[in-house]
Protein backbone atom coordinates (compact mmCIF):
# COMPACT_ATOMS: atom_id res chain seq x y z
CA UNK A 1 -36.67 -26.08 -25.99
CA UNK A 2 -35.14 -29.41 -26.89
CA UNK A 3 -36.95 -31.07 -29.77
CA UNK A 4 -37.04 -34.30 -27.72
CA UNK A 5 -39.54 -32.63 -25.39
CA UNK A 6 -42.92 -31.36 -26.47
CA UNK A 7 -43.11 -29.07 -23.45
CA UNK A 8 -41.30 -27.98 -20.33
CA UNK A 9 -42.70 -27.19 -16.92
CA UNK A 10 -41.25 -24.46 -14.72
CA UNK A 11 -41.98 -24.53 -11.01
CA UNK A 12 -41.18 -21.80 -8.50
CA UNK A 13 -41.12 -22.85 -4.85
CA UNK A 14 -41.05 -20.51 -1.86
CA UNK A 15 -40.63 -21.56 1.78
CA UNK A 16 -43.63 -20.23 3.69
CA UNK A 17 -42.99 -17.66 6.44
CA UNK A 18 -39.23 -18.11 6.12
CA UNK A 19 -38.43 -14.64 7.51
CA UNK A 20 -40.42 -15.46 10.66
CA UNK A 21 -38.54 -18.76 10.99
CA UNK A 22 -35.20 -16.93 10.70
CA UNK A 23 -36.28 -14.18 13.12
CA UNK A 24 -37.62 -16.68 15.67
CA UNK A 25 -34.99 -19.43 15.57
CA UNK A 26 -31.98 -17.73 14.00
CA UNK A 27 -30.16 -18.00 10.70
CA UNK A 28 -28.57 -21.34 11.59
CA UNK A 29 -32.04 -22.90 11.76
CA UNK A 30 -32.97 -21.16 8.50
CA UNK A 31 -29.85 -22.49 6.79
CA UNK A 32 -30.61 -26.03 7.94
CA UNK A 33 -34.18 -25.79 6.61
CA UNK A 34 -32.93 -24.39 3.27
CA UNK A 35 -30.38 -27.17 2.83
CA UNK A 36 -32.78 -29.96 3.80
CA UNK A 37 -35.54 -28.69 1.53
CA UNK A 38 -33.04 -28.35 -1.34
CA UNK A 39 -31.98 -31.95 -0.74
CA UNK A 40 -35.59 -33.18 -0.61
CA UNK A 41 -36.36 -31.42 -3.88
CA UNK A 42 -33.33 -32.81 -5.70
CA UNK A 43 -33.74 -36.37 -4.36
CA UNK A 44 -37.41 -36.62 -5.31
CA UNK A 45 -37.31 -35.56 -8.94
CA UNK A 46 -36.84 -37.62 -12.08
CA UNK A 47 -33.49 -38.04 -13.77
CA UNK A 48 -33.14 -35.07 -16.10
CA UNK A 49 -35.20 -32.71 -13.91
CA UNK A 50 -33.30 -29.71 -12.58
CA UNK A 51 -33.59 -27.82 -9.29
CA UNK A 52 -31.70 -24.71 -8.24
CA UNK A 53 -31.84 -21.92 -5.73
CA UNK A 54 -33.67 -18.98 -7.26
CA UNK A 55 -32.89 -16.51 -4.49
CA UNK A 56 -33.53 -16.08 -0.79
CA UNK A 57 -35.88 -18.87 0.15
CA UNK A 58 -37.01 -19.62 -3.40
CA UNK A 59 -36.15 -22.51 -5.69
CA UNK A 60 -36.74 -23.07 -9.41
CA UNK A 61 -37.50 -26.52 -10.77
CA UNK A 62 -37.43 -27.48 -14.46
CA UNK A 63 -39.37 -30.57 -15.49
CA UNK A 64 -38.62 -31.19 -19.19
CA UNK A 65 -41.18 -33.36 -20.95
CA UNK A 66 -43.38 -33.75 -17.86
CA UNK A 67 -47.08 -34.00 -18.60
CA UNK A 68 -49.46 -31.72 -16.73
CA UNK A 69 -50.52 -34.61 -14.46
CA UNK A 70 -46.94 -35.78 -13.83
CA UNK A 71 -45.84 -32.26 -12.90
CA UNK A 72 -48.80 -31.71 -10.59
CA UNK A 73 -48.43 -35.14 -8.91
CA UNK A 74 -44.68 -34.70 -8.44
CA UNK A 75 -44.94 -31.22 -6.96
CA UNK A 76 -47.91 -32.00 -4.73
CA UNK A 77 -46.06 -35.07 -3.40
CA UNK A 78 -43.08 -32.84 -2.60
CA UNK A 79 -45.33 -30.25 -0.95
CA UNK A 80 -46.88 -32.92 1.27
CA UNK A 81 -43.53 -34.46 2.16
CA UNK A 82 -42.03 -31.11 3.19
CA UNK A 83 -45.06 -30.09 5.24
CA UNK A 84 -44.91 -33.34 7.25
CA UNK A 85 -41.13 -33.42 7.78
CA UNK A 86 -39.69 -32.28 11.11
CA UNK A 87 -36.54 -30.16 10.78
CA UNK A 88 -34.06 -30.61 13.63
CA UNK A 89 -31.64 -27.78 14.26
CA UNK A 90 -30.79 -28.10 17.97
CA UNK A 91 -30.94 -30.84 20.59
CA UNK A 92 -32.50 -28.45 23.09
CA UNK A 93 -35.27 -27.22 20.79
CA UNK A 94 -38.23 -29.12 19.39
CA UNK A 95 -38.16 -29.75 15.63
CA UNK A 96 -39.41 -27.05 13.29
CA UNK A 97 -42.22 -27.57 10.84
CA UNK A 98 -42.62 -25.51 7.73
CA UNK A 99 -44.29 -25.67 4.36
CA UNK A 100 -43.61 -24.61 0.80
CA UNK A 101 -45.88 -22.93 -1.74
CA UNK A 102 -45.45 -23.82 -5.42
CA UNK A 103 -46.36 -22.09 -8.67
CA UNK A 104 -46.37 -24.15 -11.87
CA UNK A 105 -46.34 -23.02 -15.50
CA UNK A 106 -46.08 -25.23 -18.55
CA UNK A 107 -44.83 -24.20 -21.98
CA UNK A 108 -47.32 -25.22 -24.63
CA UNK A 109 -46.31 -23.07 -27.59
CA UNK A 110 -42.87 -22.65 -29.10
CA UNK A 111 -43.07 -18.86 -29.12
CA UNK A 112 -43.27 -18.45 -25.34
CA UNK A 113 -39.92 -17.37 -23.87
CA UNK A 114 -38.37 -18.78 -20.73
CA UNK A 115 -38.75 -15.33 -19.18
CA UNK A 116 -42.51 -15.43 -19.84
CA UNK A 117 -42.71 -18.98 -18.51
CA UNK A 118 -40.97 -18.00 -15.25
CA UNK A 119 -43.21 -14.93 -14.93
CA UNK A 120 -46.23 -17.21 -15.35
CA UNK A 121 -44.94 -19.59 -12.64
CA UNK A 122 -44.33 -16.54 -10.41
CA UNK A 123 -47.97 -15.45 -10.83
CA UNK A 124 -49.09 -18.95 -9.83
CA UNK A 125 -46.74 -18.88 -6.81
CA UNK A 126 -48.16 -15.52 -5.75
CA UNK A 127 -51.67 -17.02 -5.95
CA UNK A 128 -50.56 -20.01 -3.83
CA UNK A 129 -49.29 -17.60 -1.16
CA UNK A 130 -52.44 -15.45 -1.33
CA UNK A 131 -54.71 -18.51 -1.11
CA UNK A 132 -53.28 -19.71 2.18
CA UNK A 133 -49.77 -21.12 1.52
CA UNK A 134 -48.70 -24.78 1.54
CA UNK A 135 -50.40 -25.32 -1.80
CA UNK A 136 -49.77 -25.74 -5.50
CA UNK A 137 -51.21 -23.36 -8.08
CA UNK A 138 -50.98 -23.71 -11.85
CA UNK A 139 -50.92 -20.91 -14.41
CA UNK A 140 -51.65 -21.74 -18.00
CA UNK A 141 -48.89 -20.24 -20.12
CA UNK A 142 -49.12 -18.81 -23.62
């Protein structure tokens, strides 16, 4: 952890029902949704924040120095924007709509590892999925 930041927030994001989207509309539609969501995430973060593909339909977002409220506001704004955005993949098909679930964990003690922080965000993401998707859940880290 950089000494310039008192804490870091890790966010895991998972596109809701992505397998169903792929199975229903094909992998081309899935690829378009993945690329557009990745672009929305990267364009709507602060300078110095980092977003990357975590695997499959998951993304990881690092928010160094973000306060609890800043992290929550930023991620909930992204969640809302994605859930209201139409995704166009074919002129002959209506646009797709999808949503993303987010799990947030914030490092508060120096002795918590990045692995533990990601595991904490993953638990929060799992809760977001279990509680109905298209939501943000926060897990207090060590």
